[in-house]
Protein backbone atom coordinates (compact mmCIF):
# COMPACT_ATOMS: atom_id res chain seq x y z
CA MET A 1 1.83 26.56 1.13
CA GLN A 2 0.02 25.94 -2.18
CA THR A 3 1.90 24.72 -5.20
CA ILE A 4 0.20 23.81 -8.47
CA ASP A 5 1.83 21.43 -10.89
CA HIS A 6 0.29 21.01 -14.39
CA ARG A 7 0.50 17.64 -16.09
CA PRO A 8 -0.91 16.23 -19.40
CA TRP A 9 -3.81 14.56 -17.56
CA GLY A 10 -4.72 17.47 -15.35
CA PHE A 11 -3.01 19.12 -12.34
CA TYR A 12 -2.28 18.77 -8.58
CA GLU A 13 -1.96 21.18 -5.69
CA ILE A 14 0.22 20.45 -2.71
CA LEU A 15 -1.93 21.19 0.41
CA SER A 16 0.65 19.93 3.02
CA ASP A 17 4.23 18.77 2.86
CA ALA A 18 5.32 17.67 6.37
CA PRO A 19 7.98 15.20 7.50
CA ASP A 20 5.40 12.50 8.28
CA CYS A 21 2.90 12.90 5.34
CA LYS A 22 2.21 14.76 2.21
CA VAL A 23 -1.30 15.79 1.00
CA LYS A 24 -2.28 16.68 -2.61
CA ARG A 25 -5.57 17.69 -4.23
CA ILE A 26 -5.46 16.09 -7.67
CA THR A 27 -7.66 16.98 -10.66
CA VAL A 28 -7.94 14.58 -13.60
CA TYR A 29 -9.56 15.73 -16.84
CA PRO A 30 -12.37 13.78 -18.51
CA GLU A 31 -11.10 10.74 -20.48
CA SER A 32 -7.64 11.12 -19.01
CA ARG A 33 -5.66 8.82 -16.75
CA LEU A 34 -2.49 8.82 -14.81
CA SER A 35 0.41 6.40 -15.56
CA LEU A 36 0.35 2.85 -14.14
CA GLN A 37 2.89 3.37 -11.33
CA ARG A 38 4.16 2.21 -8.00
CA HIS A 39 6.23 3.66 -5.12
CA PHE A 40 8.99 2.10 -3.05
CA ARG A 41 8.88 4.30 0.00
CA ARG A 42 5.30 5.53 0.44
CA SER A 43 1.70 4.35 0.52
CA GLU A 44 -1.24 6.48 -0.53
CA HIS A 45 -4.85 6.96 0.44
CA TRP A 46 -7.19 8.40 -2.20
CA PHE A 47 -10.52 10.08 -1.25
CA ILE A 48 -12.82 11.09 -4.21
CA VAL A 49 -14.08 14.61 -3.69
CA LYS A 50 -15.89 14.87 -7.03
CA GLY A 51 -16.57 12.64 -10.02
CA GLU A 52 -16.36 9.00 -11.06
CA ALA A 53 -13.31 7.01 -11.73
CA ILE A 54 -11.85 3.54 -12.27
CA VAL A 55 -8.85 2.90 -10.02
CA THR A 56 -6.47 0.13 -10.91
CA ARG A 57 -4.76 -1.49 -7.90
CA ASN A 58 -2.53 -4.36 -9.09
CA ASP A 59 -4.92 -6.66 -10.93
CA GLU A 60 -8.19 -5.02 -9.61
CA ASN A 61 -10.20 -2.31 -11.43
CA ILE A 62 -12.38 -0.62 -8.83
CA ARG A 63 -15.05 1.98 -9.61
CA LEU A 64 -15.19 4.86 -7.16
CA ALA A 65 -17.44 7.88 -6.92
CA THR A 66 -17.78 10.97 -4.75
CA GLY A 67 -17.21 10.17 -1.07
CA GLU A 68 -15.43 6.84 -1.65
CA SER A 69 -11.84 6.06 -0.97
CA ILE A 70 -9.05 3.43 -1.48
CA ASP A 71 -5.79 2.48 0.07
CA LEU A 72 -2.63 1.89 -2.12
CA PRO A 73 0.05 0.12 -0.21
CA VAL A 74 3.81 0.47 -0.92
CA LEU A 75 4.73 -1.37 -4.10
CA ALA A 76 1.09 -1.67 -5.38
CA TRP A 77 0.71 -0.84 -9.05
CA HIS A 78 -1.94 1.80 -9.35
CA ARG A 79 -3.57 4.41 -11.59
CA ILE A 80 -6.78 6.43 -11.83
CA ARG A 81 -8.93 6.94 -14.90
CA ASN A 82 -11.61 9.55 -15.18
CA ILE A 83 -14.72 7.87 -16.78
CA GLY A 84 -17.02 10.82 -16.48
CA LYS A 85 -17.63 14.02 -18.50
CA GLU A 86 -16.45 16.31 -15.72
CA ASP A 87 -13.17 16.60 -13.82
CA VAL A 88 -12.40 14.02 -11.17
CA VAL A 89 -10.96 15.55 -7.99
CA PHE A 90 -9.46 13.49 -5.21
CA ILE A 91 -7.34 14.00 -2.12
CA GLU A 92 -4.18 11.97 -1.89
CA VAL A 93 -2.56 11.37 1.49
CA GLN A 94 0.94 9.95 1.29
CA THR A 95 2.57 8.23 4.26
CA GLY A 96 6.05 6.82 4.52
CA ASP A 97 9.60 7.98 4.88
CA TYR A 98 10.06 9.79 1.56
CA PHE A 99 7.67 11.87 -0.60
CA GLY A 100 9.83 12.99 -3.52
CA GLU A 101 8.44 12.85 -7.06
CA ASP A 102 11.43 10.66 -8.04
CA ASP A 103 10.01 7.75 -5.90
CA ILE A 104 8.02 6.43 -8.82
CA GLU A 105 8.34 3.49 -11.29
CA ARG A 106 6.02 3.67 -14.33
CA SER A 107 4.92 0.58 -16.13
CA GLU A 108 2.53 2.21 -18.67
CA ASP A 109 1.97 5.85 -19.56
CA ASP A 110 -0.18 7.61 -22.23
CA TYR A 111 2.32 10.44 -22.37
CA GLY A 112 5.57 8.68 -23.11
CA ARG A 113 7.10 8.81 -19.58
CA ALA A 114 7.30 5.06 -18.93
């Protein structure tokens, strides 16, 4: 099962969608970032496969590079910003009891979705 969903900041591919977890491969274009968001029913673990990024987690801004990872608990405000000249690619592992795209609250968004 491989589904690709294009967004203004890049795209993601669903690698696994099981009852106990969902796994995505996410690509963020240079100088792009996702919305500042949080989830009510899932936590996420991000592993950087390629590139350099700044990850916001609540009030922290954390620089991550290839091979590094971060945990994003339920209700944590978070976003990723590509600070390099090449795509950032990361693997997102979601755990919880619901993985629908409607489990999202946006606080800020560069594309008018907040």
